Amino acid sequence: MGSSPLFFVTIAGNLVGFFQLMDIFRKENAINNIFSFNYWPSSRVIPDTINEFPFFSFLQGDLHAHMISITFQLLVILLLLDIMKSNTLGWDSILIMGLSIGFLYPLNSWDYPVYLILAILVIAYNQVLRKKDYLKSVASIAIITASSYLFYLPYHLHISSIRRFH
């Protein structure tokens, strides 16, 4: 696999910028023409739509929820790796996992079910692989799920949509 994902996310996600650069370098005095490079049209490939390529949010500094949540997604992944490597599931790791996964819902709600299911799968797999107490793994999953919601209960109780549909 190597660096191919890096290539596809940063460069080949949208080739409009690449073709624009090739056009600039074909012209005379390419060094002076390089300042005419404009990456904005590459986010408007289909007329009257926005088609941001994967690296656009980073290039533009466009602060979206999916961009902010990356560090917290990595936190959850590292906590799950710690559970896998340490082969222990103590109260501290259960509650920190619930706190971390729960934070994904207010931050970027699309990430919450993905990482909750990932945590459930990792904990279940770890318990089955190690032939540990199944009741503890079910209880751990239940506590993580409940705590991920309960830690952010004020948010869940008071969140409302800006739009009101009648």
N, C-alpha and C. Protein backbone atom coordinates (compact mmCIF):
# COMPACT_ATOMS: atom_id res chain seq x y z
N MET A 1 0.84 -1.18 0.00
CA MET A 1 0.00 0.00 0.00
C MET A 1 0.89 1.24 0.00
N GLY A 2 1.86 1.29 0.87
CA GLY A 2 2.84 2.37 0.84
C GLY A 2 2.26 3.77 0.88
N SER A 3 2.70 4.59 -0.05
CA SER A 3 2.27 6.00 -0.06
C SER A 3 1.12 6.25 -1.02
N SER A 4 0.50 5.21 -1.56
CA SER A 4 -0.60 5.42 -2.50
C SER A 4 -1.80 6.13 -1.86
N PRO A 5 -2.20 5.83 -0.61
CA PRO A 5 -3.30 6.61 -0.03
C PRO A 5 -2.96 8.09 0.09
N LEU A 6 -1.72 8.38 0.44
CA LEU A 6 -1.28 9.77 0.54
C LEU A 6 -1.42 10.46 -0.82
N PHE A 7 -1.01 9.76 -1.87
CA PHE A 7 -1.13 10.31 -3.23
C PHE A 7 -2.59 10.58 -3.59
N PHE A 8 -3.47 9.61 -3.31
CA PHE A 8 -4.87 9.77 -3.72
C PHE A 8 -5.59 10.84 -2.91
N VAL A 9 -5.27 10.99 -1.64
CA VAL A 9 -5.95 11.99 -0.82
C VAL A 9 -5.46 13.39 -1.14
N THR A 10 -4.16 13.56 -1.31
CA THR A 10 -3.62 14.91 -1.48
C THR A 10 -3.56 15.38 -2.92
N ILE A 11 -3.30 14.49 -3.85
CA ILE A 11 -3.08 14.91 -5.23
C ILE A 11 -4.19 14.44 -6.15
N ALA A 12 -4.48 13.16 -6.17
CA ALA A 12 -5.41 12.62 -7.16
C ALA A 12 -6.87 12.72 -6.73
N GLY A 13 -7.15 13.29 -5.59
CA GLY A 13 -8.54 13.48 -5.18
C GLY A 13 -9.29 14.36 -6.15
N ASN A 14 -8.58 15.27 -6.78
CA ASN A 14 -9.16 16.15 -7.79
C ASN A 14 -7.99 16.65 -8.63
N LEU A 15 -8.00 16.34 -9.89
CA LEU A 15 -6.86 16.63 -10.76
C LEU A 15 -6.94 17.98 -11.47
N VAL A 16 -7.95 18.80 -11.16
CA VAL A 16 -8.08 20.09 -11.82
C VAL A 16 -6.85 20.97 -11.54
N GLY A 17 -6.40 20.98 -10.30
CA GLY A 17 -5.21 21.76 -9.94
C GLY A 17 -3.97 21.27 -10.67
N PHE A 18 -3.84 19.96 -10.81
CA PHE A 18 -2.71 19.38 -11.53
C PHE A 18 -2.71 19.84 -12.99
N PHE A 19 -3.88 19.77 -13.64
CA PHE A 19 -3.97 20.19 -15.04
C PHE A 19 -3.71 21.68 -15.18
N GLN A 20 -4.12 22.47 -14.20
CA GLN A 20 -3.85 23.91 -14.24
C GLN A 20 -2.34 24.16 -14.13
N LEU A 21 -1.66 23.42 -13.26
CA LEU A 21 -0.20 23.56 -13.14
C LEU A 21 0.51 23.16 -14.43
N MET A 22 0.05 22.08 -15.04
CA MET A 22 0.66 21.65 -16.31
C MET A 22 0.48 22.73 -17.37
N ASP A 23 -0.68 23.37 -17.40
CA ASP A 23 -0.93 24.44 -18.36
C ASP A 23 -0.01 25.63 -18.10
N ILE A 24 0.21 25.95 -16.83
CA ILE A 24 1.10 27.06 -16.46
C ILE A 24 2.54 26.76 -16.91
N PHE A 25 3.00 25.52 -16.68
CA PHE A 25 4.37 25.17 -17.02
C PHE A 25 4.60 25.04 -18.53
N ARG A 26 3.54 24.84 -19.30
CA ARG A 26 3.68 24.78 -20.75
C ARG A 26 3.91 26.16 -21.35
N LYS A 27 3.42 27.19 -20.68
CA LYS A 27 3.54 28.55 -21.20
C LYS A 27 4.96 29.07 -21.00
N GLU A 28 5.28 30.10 -21.75
CA GLU A 28 6.58 30.75 -21.55
C GLU A 28 6.58 31.45 -20.20
N ASN A 29 7.76 31.60 -19.64
CA ASN A 29 7.95 32.31 -18.38
C ASN A 29 7.11 31.66 -17.26
N ALA A 30 7.26 30.35 -17.13
CA ALA A 30 6.47 29.58 -16.17
C ALA A 30 6.67 30.04 -14.73
N ILE A 31 7.89 30.51 -14.41
CA ILE A 31 8.16 30.94 -13.05
C ILE A 31 7.28 32.12 -12.66
N ASN A 32 7.12 33.08 -13.55
CA ASN A 32 6.26 34.22 -13.26
C ASN A 32 4.77 33.84 -13.31
N ASN A 33 4.44 32.86 -14.16
CA ASN A 33 3.04 32.43 -14.27
C ASN A 33 2.58 31.58 -13.10
N ILE A 34 3.53 31.04 -12.33
CA ILE A 34 3.15 30.19 -11.20
C ILE A 34 2.28 30.95 -10.20
N PHE A 35 2.44 32.26 -10.14
CA PHE A 35 1.63 33.06 -9.21
C PHE A 35 0.18 33.20 -9.69
N SER A 36 -0.09 32.77 -10.90
CA SER A 36 -1.47 32.80 -11.39
C SER A 36 -2.22 31.52 -11.03
N PHE A 37 -1.54 30.59 -10.34
CA PHE A 37 -2.20 29.34 -9.94
C PHE A 37 -3.35 29.66 -8.98
N ASN A 38 -4.49 29.06 -9.22
CA ASN A 38 -5.68 29.28 -8.41
C ASN A 38 -6.32 27.93 -8.14
N TYR A 39 -6.29 27.48 -6.90
CA TYR A 39 -6.85 26.17 -6.57
C TYR A 39 -8.36 26.21 -6.37
N TRP A 40 -8.96 27.39 -6.28
CA TRP A 40 -10.39 27.50 -6.00
C TRP A 40 -11.27 26.83 -7.06
N PRO A 41 -10.98 26.96 -8.37
CA PRO A 41 -11.84 26.30 -9.36
C PRO A 41 -11.91 24.78 -9.20
N SER A 42 -10.88 24.19 -8.58
CA SER A 42 -10.91 22.74 -8.41
C SER A 42 -11.94 22.28 -7.38
N SER A 43 -12.51 23.22 -6.63
CA SER A 43 -13.60 22.85 -5.71
C SER A 43 -14.97 23.11 -6.34
N ARG A 44 -14.99 23.54 -7.59
CA ARG A 44 -16.25 23.81 -8.29
C ARG A 44 -16.21 23.14 -9.67
N VAL A 45 -16.01 21.83 -9.69
CA VAL A 45 -15.85 21.08 -10.92
C VAL A 45 -17.18 20.97 -11.66
N ILE A 46 -18.25 20.64 -10.95
CA ILE A 46 -19.58 20.55 -11.53
C ILE A 46 -20.24 21.91 -11.32
N PRO A 47 -20.76 22.54 -12.37
CA PRO A 47 -21.33 23.88 -12.25
C PRO A 47 -22.42 23.96 -11.17
N ASP A 48 -22.41 25.05 -10.42
CA ASP A 48 -23.39 25.35 -9.37
C ASP A 48 -23.39 24.33 -8.23
N THR A 49 -22.29 23.65 -8.02
CA THR A 49 -22.16 22.73 -6.88
C THR A 49 -20.81 22.95 -6.23
N ILE A 50 -20.68 22.41 -5.03
CA ILE A 50 -19.41 22.45 -4.32
C ILE A 50 -18.88 21.03 -4.25
N ASN A 51 -17.72 20.79 -4.80
CA ASN A 51 -17.11 19.47 -4.85
C ASN A 51 -15.72 19.55 -4.25
N GLU A 52 -15.64 19.71 -2.96
CA GLU A 52 -14.34 19.87 -2.33
C GLU A 52 -13.59 18.54 -2.35
N PHE A 53 -12.36 18.58 -2.80
CA PHE A 53 -11.52 17.41 -2.80
C PHE A 53 -11.01 17.19 -1.37
N PRO A 54 -10.56 15.97 -1.04
CA PRO A 54 -10.25 15.66 0.35
C PRO A 54 -9.27 16.62 1.04
N PHE A 55 -8.26 17.08 0.33
CA PHE A 55 -7.26 17.94 0.96
C PHE A 55 -7.70 19.40 1.02
N PHE A 56 -8.83 19.75 0.40
CA PHE A 56 -9.27 21.13 0.31
C PHE A 56 -9.46 21.78 1.68
N SER A 57 -10.05 21.06 2.62
CA SER A 57 -10.29 21.62 3.95
C SER A 57 -8.98 22.01 4.63
N PHE A 58 -7.94 21.23 4.43
CA PHE A 58 -6.64 21.56 5.01
C PHE A 58 -5.97 22.70 4.27
N LEU A 59 -6.05 22.67 2.95
CA LEU A 59 -5.43 23.70 2.13
C LEU A 59 -6.07 25.06 2.38
N GLN A 60 -7.37 25.08 2.47
CA GLN A 60 -8.11 26.32 2.67
C GLN A 60 -8.13 26.74 4.14
N GLY A 61 -7.89 25.80 5.03
CA GLY A 61 -8.04 26.09 6.45
C GLY A 61 -9.51 26.21 6.81
N ASP A 62 -10.32 25.42 6.12
CA ASP A 62 -11.77 25.46 6.25
C ASP A 62 -12.16 24.58 7.43
N LEU A 63 -12.49 25.19 8.53
CA LEU A 63 -12.71 24.48 9.78
C LEU A 63 -14.08 23.82 9.81
N HIS A 64 -14.13 22.57 9.40
CA HIS A 64 -15.35 21.78 9.41
C HIS A 64 -15.29 20.79 10.57
N ALA A 65 -16.46 20.28 10.94
CA ALA A 65 -16.52 19.32 12.04
C ALA A 65 -15.70 18.06 11.75
N HIS A 66 -15.72 17.61 10.50
CA HIS A 66 -14.96 16.40 10.18
C HIS A 66 -13.46 16.64 10.30
N MET A 67 -13.03 17.87 10.19
CA MET A 67 -11.62 18.19 10.32
C MET A 67 -11.22 18.30 11.80
N ILE A 68 -12.07 18.92 12.59
CA ILE A 68 -11.79 19.07 14.02
C ILE A 68 -11.78 17.70 14.71
N SER A 69 -12.64 16.81 14.26
CA SER A 69 -12.79 15.53 14.96
C SER A 69 -11.64 14.55 14.71
N ILE A 70 -10.77 14.85 13.79
CA ILE A 70 -9.69 13.91 13.47
C ILE A 70 -8.84 13.58 14.70
N THR A 71 -8.49 14.58 15.48
CA THR A 71 -7.65 14.31 16.66
C THR A 71 -8.38 13.44 17.68
N PHE A 72 -9.69 13.63 17.80
CA PHE A 72 -10.46 12.82 18.76
C PHE A 72 -10.71 11.42 18.22
N GLN A 73 -10.80 11.28 16.91
CA GLN A 73 -10.88 9.94 16.32
C GLN A 73 -9.59 9.18 16.60
N LEU A 74 -8.47 9.87 16.44
CA LEU A 74 -7.18 9.23 16.73
C LEU A 74 -7.07 8.86 18.21
N LEU A 75 -7.62 9.70 19.09
CA LEU A 75 -7.62 9.39 20.52
C LEU A 75 -8.37 8.09 20.78
N VAL A 76 -9.55 7.95 20.20
CA VAL A 76 -10.34 6.72 20.40
C VAL A 76 -9.59 5.52 19.84
N ILE A 77 -9.00 5.67 18.66
CA ILE A 77 -8.24 4.56 18.08
C ILE A 77 -7.07 4.16 18.97
N LEU A 78 -6.35 5.15 19.51
CA LEU A 78 -5.22 4.84 20.39
C LEU A 78 -5.69 4.19 21.69
N LEU A 79 -6.81 4.63 22.23
CA LEU A 79 -7.35 3.99 23.43
C LEU A 79 -7.74 2.53 23.14
N LEU A 80 -8.31 2.29 21.97
CA LEU A 80 -8.66 0.92 21.60
C LEU A 80 -7.40 0.06 21.40
N LEU A 81 -6.37 0.65 20.81
CA LEU A 81 -5.10 -0.08 20.67
C LEU A 81 -4.49 -0.40 22.03
N ASP A 82 -4.63 0.54 22.96
CA ASP A 82 -4.12 0.30 24.31
C ASP A 82 -4.86 -0.86 24.97
N ILE A 83 -6.17 -0.91 24.76
CA ILE A 83 -6.95 -2.02 25.32
C ILE A 83 -6.50 -3.34 24.70
N MET A 84 -6.24 -3.33 23.40
CA MET A 84 -5.80 -4.56 22.74
C MET A 84 -4.41 -5.00 23.22
N LYS A 85 -3.51 -4.04 23.35
CA LYS A 85 -2.13 -4.40 23.73
C LYS A 85 -1.99 -4.74 25.20
N SER A 86 -2.68 -3.99 26.06
CA SER A 86 -2.50 -4.21 27.50
C SER A 86 -3.29 -5.41 28.00
N ASN A 87 -4.28 -5.84 27.23
CA ASN A 87 -5.07 -7.00 27.60
C ASN A 87 -5.82 -6.80 28.91
N THR A 88 -6.04 -5.55 29.28
CA THR A 88 -6.82 -5.26 30.48
C THR A 88 -7.90 -4.25 30.14
N LEU A 89 -8.95 -4.32 30.92
CA LEU A 89 -10.07 -3.41 30.72
C LEU A 89 -10.54 -2.96 32.09
N GLY A 90 -9.84 -1.97 32.63
CA GLY A 90 -10.17 -1.47 33.95
C GLY A 90 -11.22 -0.38 33.90
N TRP A 91 -11.67 0.03 35.08
CA TRP A 91 -12.69 1.08 35.16
C TRP A 91 -12.22 2.38 34.53
N ASP A 92 -10.95 2.70 34.73
CA ASP A 92 -10.44 3.95 34.16
C ASP A 92 -10.51 3.95 32.63
N SER A 93 -10.09 2.85 32.02
CA SER A 93 -10.13 2.80 30.55
C SER A 93 -11.56 2.75 30.02
N ILE A 94 -12.46 2.12 30.76
CA ILE A 94 -13.87 2.07 30.34
C ILE A 94 -14.48 3.46 30.36
N LEU A 95 -14.25 4.20 31.44
CA LEU A 95 -14.85 5.53 31.55
C LEU A 95 -14.20 6.54 30.60
N ILE A 96 -12.89 6.44 30.41
CA ILE A 96 -12.22 7.33 29.46
C ILE A 96 -12.69 7.03 28.04
N MET A 97 -12.91 5.76 27.73
CA MET A 97 -13.43 5.39 26.42
C MET A 97 -14.83 5.95 26.22
N GLY A 98 -15.68 5.84 27.24
CA GLY A 98 -17.02 6.41 27.15
C GLY A 98 -17.00 7.92 26.97
N LEU A 99 -16.10 8.58 27.71
CA LEU A 99 -15.96 10.04 27.60
C LEU A 99 -15.48 10.44 26.20
N SER A 100 -14.52 9.71 25.68
CA SER A 100 -13.95 10.03 24.37
C SER A 100 -14.93 9.77 23.23
N ILE A 101 -15.59 8.64 23.27
CA ILE A 101 -16.55 8.32 22.22
C ILE A 101 -17.76 9.25 22.31
N GLY A 102 -18.19 9.55 23.52
CA GLY A 102 -19.32 10.45 23.70
C GLY A 102 -19.06 11.83 23.16
N PHE A 103 -17.83 12.29 23.24
CA PHE A 103 -17.48 13.63 22.75
C PHE A 103 -17.61 13.72 21.23
N LEU A 104 -17.52 12.60 20.55
CA LEU A 104 -17.64 12.63 19.10
C LEU A 104 -19.04 13.04 18.64
N TYR A 105 -20.06 12.75 19.45
CA TYR A 105 -21.42 13.11 19.03
C TYR A 105 -21.63 14.62 18.95
N PRO A 106 -21.31 15.39 19.99
CA PRO A 106 -21.47 16.84 19.84
C PRO A 106 -20.49 17.43 18.82
N LEU A 107 -19.35 16.80 18.66
CA LEU A 107 -18.34 17.33 17.75
C LEU A 107 -18.70 17.08 16.28
N ASN A 108 -18.99 15.84 15.95
CA ASN A 108 -19.35 15.45 14.58
C ASN A 108 -20.19 14.18 14.70
N SER A 109 -21.49 14.33 14.70
CA SER A 109 -22.40 13.23 15.04
C SER A 109 -22.24 12.01 14.13
N TRP A 110 -21.72 12.19 12.93
CA TRP A 110 -21.53 11.05 12.04
C TRP A 110 -20.45 10.09 12.56
N ASP A 111 -19.54 10.59 13.36
CA ASP A 111 -18.46 9.74 13.87
C ASP A 111 -18.89 8.89 15.06
N TYR A 112 -19.89 9.33 15.78
CA TYR A 112 -20.29 8.64 17.02
C TYR A 112 -20.63 7.17 16.79
N PRO A 113 -21.58 6.84 15.90
CA PRO A 113 -21.91 5.41 15.76
C PRO A 113 -20.75 4.59 15.20
N VAL A 114 -19.95 5.18 14.36
CA VAL A 114 -18.82 4.44 13.77
C VAL A 114 -17.84 4.01 14.85
N TYR A 115 -17.46 4.94 15.72
CA TYR A 115 -16.46 4.62 16.74
C TYR A 115 -17.04 3.86 17.91
N LEU A 116 -18.33 4.00 18.16
CA LEU A 116 -18.98 3.17 19.18
C LEU A 116 -19.01 1.72 18.72
N ILE A 117 -19.38 1.50 17.47
CA ILE A 117 -19.39 0.13 16.93
C ILE A 117 -17.97 -0.43 16.87
N LEU A 118 -17.00 0.40 16.49
CA LEU A 118 -15.61 -0.05 16.48
C LEU A 118 -15.16 -0.46 17.88
N ALA A 119 -15.50 0.32 18.88
CA ALA A 119 -15.14 -0.02 20.26
C ALA A 119 -15.80 -1.32 20.69
N ILE A 120 -17.05 -1.49 20.36
CA ILE A 120 -17.75 -2.74 20.71
C ILE A 120 -17.06 -3.93 20.05
N LEU A 121 -16.71 -3.79 18.77
CA LEU A 121 -16.05 -4.89 18.06
C LEU A 121 -14.67 -5.20 18.65
N VAL A 122 -13.91 -4.16 18.97
CA VAL A 122 -12.57 -4.37 19.52
C VAL A 122 -12.65 -5.04 20.89
N ILE A 123 -13.54 -4.56 21.73
CA ILE A 123 -13.66 -5.14 23.08
C ILE A 123 -14.16 -6.59 22.98
N ALA A 124 -15.16 -6.83 22.15
CA ALA A 124 -15.67 -8.20 22.00
C ALA A 124 -14.59 -9.12 21.42
N TYR A 125 -13.89 -8.66 20.41
CA TYR A 125 -12.83 -9.47 19.81
C TYR A 125 -11.71 -9.74 20.81
N ASN A 126 -11.34 -8.73 21.55
CA ASN A 126 -10.28 -8.88 22.55
C ASN A 126 -10.67 -9.90 23.61
N GLN A 127 -11.92 -9.87 24.03
CA GLN A 127 -12.36 -10.81 25.06
C GLN A 127 -12.45 -12.24 24.50
N VAL A 128 -12.94 -12.37 23.28
CA VAL A 128 -13.04 -13.70 22.67
C VAL A 128 -11.65 -14.26 22.39
N LEU A 129 -10.76 -13.40 21.90
CA LEU A 129 -9.40 -13.82 21.57
C LEU A 129 -8.65 -14.29 22.82
N ARG A 130 -8.83 -13.60 23.90
CA ARG A 130 -8.12 -13.91 25.14
C ARG A 130 -8.88 -14.92 26.01
N LYS A 131 -10.08 -15.30 25.57
CA LYS A 131 -10.93 -16.23 26.33
C LYS A 131 -11.12 -15.75 27.76
N LYS A 132 -11.53 -14.50 27.85
CA LYS A 132 -11.75 -13.89 29.16
C LYS A 132 -13.22 -14.00 29.53
N ASP A 133 -13.56 -13.30 30.58
CA ASP A 133 -14.92 -13.28 31.10
C ASP A 133 -15.85 -12.54 30.14
N TYR A 134 -16.79 -13.26 29.56
CA TYR A 134 -17.72 -12.65 28.60
C TYR A 134 -18.67 -11.68 29.27
N LEU A 135 -19.05 -11.97 30.50
CA LEU A 135 -19.95 -11.08 31.23
C LEU A 135 -19.29 -9.72 31.44
N LYS A 136 -17.99 -9.71 31.71
CA LYS A 136 -17.27 -8.45 31.89
C LYS A 136 -17.23 -7.66 30.58
N SER A 137 -17.05 -8.34 29.47
CA SER A 137 -17.01 -7.63 28.20
C SER A 137 -18.38 -7.04 27.85
N VAL A 138 -19.46 -7.77 28.13
CA VAL A 138 -20.80 -7.25 27.88
C VAL A 138 -21.07 -6.06 28.80
N ALA A 139 -20.67 -6.18 30.06
CA ALA A 139 -20.85 -5.07 31.01
C ALA A 139 -20.01 -3.87 30.59
N SER A 140 -18.80 -4.10 30.13
CA SER A 140 -17.93 -3.00 29.69
C SER A 140 -18.54 -2.28 28.49
N ILE A 141 -19.06 -3.03 27.55
CA ILE A 141 -19.69 -2.43 26.38
C ILE A 141 -20.92 -1.62 26.79
N ALA A 142 -21.70 -2.16 27.70
CA ALA A 142 -22.90 -1.44 28.17
C ALA A 142 -22.52 -0.16 28.90
N ILE A 143 -21.48 -0.22 29.73
CA ILE A 143 -21.04 0.97 30.47
C ILE A 143 -20.48 2.03 29.53
N ILE A 144 -19.69 1.61 28.54
CA ILE A 144 -19.14 2.56 27.57
C ILE A 144 -20.27 3.22 26.79
N THR A 145 -21.23 2.42 26.35
CA THR A 145 -22.36 2.98 25.59
C THR A 145 -23.16 3.95 26.44
N ALA A 146 -23.49 3.54 27.66
CA ALA A 146 -24.29 4.41 28.54
C ALA A 146 -23.52 5.66 28.93
N SER A 147 -22.25 5.50 29.30
CA SER A 147 -21.48 6.67 29.73
C SER A 147 -21.22 7.64 28.58
N SER A 148 -21.08 7.12 27.36
CA SER A 148 -20.86 8.01 26.22
C SER A 148 -22.07 8.92 26.01
N TYR A 149 -23.23 8.48 26.42
CA TYR A 149 -24.43 9.31 26.32
C TYR A 149 -24.61 10.15 27.58
N LEU A 150 -24.44 9.53 28.74
CA LEU A 150 -24.73 10.22 30.01
C LEU A 150 -23.74 11.34 30.32
N PHE A 151 -22.47 11.17 29.95
CA PHE A 151 -21.50 12.24 30.18
C PHE A 151 -21.89 13.53 29.47
N TYR A 152 -22.61 13.39 28.37
CA TYR A 152 -23.02 14.56 27.58
C TYR A 152 -24.54 14.74 27.59
N LEU A 153 -25.15 14.31 28.67
CA LEU A 153 -26.60 14.41 28.80
C LEU A 153 -27.12 15.84 28.68
N PRO A 154 -26.48 16.84 29.29
CA PRO A 154 -26.98 18.21 29.08
C PRO A 154 -27.02 18.62 27.61
N TYR A 155 -26.04 18.19 26.87
CA TYR A 155 -26.03 18.48 25.43
C TYR A 155 -27.23 17.81 24.75
N HIS A 156 -27.41 16.53 25.03
CA HIS A 156 -28.49 15.78 24.39
C HIS A 156 -29.87 16.33 24.76
N LEU A 157 -30.01 16.82 25.97
CA LEU A 157 -31.30 17.34 26.41
C LEU A 157 -31.63 18.70 25.81
N HIS A 158 -30.61 19.48 25.51
CA HIS A 158 -30.84 20.87 25.11
C HIS A 158 -30.51 21.18 23.66
N ILE A 159 -30.02 20.20 22.92
CA ILE A 159 -29.69 20.46 21.52
C ILE A 159 -30.99 20.57 20.70
N SER A 160 -31.02 21.54 19.83
CA SER A 160 -32.16 21.66 18.94
C SER A 160 -31.67 22.14 17.58
N SER A 161 -32.42 21.80 16.59
CA SER A 161 -32.07 22.19 15.24
C SER A 161 -32.42 23.64 15.02
N ILE A 162 -31.63 24.32 14.20
CA ILE A 162 -31.92 25.72 13.88
C ILE A 162 -33.18 25.78 13.02
N ARG A 163 -33.33 24.82 12.14
CA ARG A 163 -34.48 24.80 11.25
C ARG A 163 -35.64 24.13 11.98
N ARG A 164 -36.79 24.66 11.77
CA ARG A 164 -38.02 24.06 12.29
C ARG A 164 -38.87 23.63 11.12
N PHE A 165 -39.14 22.35 11.03
CA PHE A 165 -39.97 21.85 9.95
C PHE A 165 -41.41 21.72 10.45
N HIS A 166 -42.31 22.22 9.69
CA HIS A 166 -43.71 22.18 10.10
C HIS A 166 -44.47 21.18 9.27
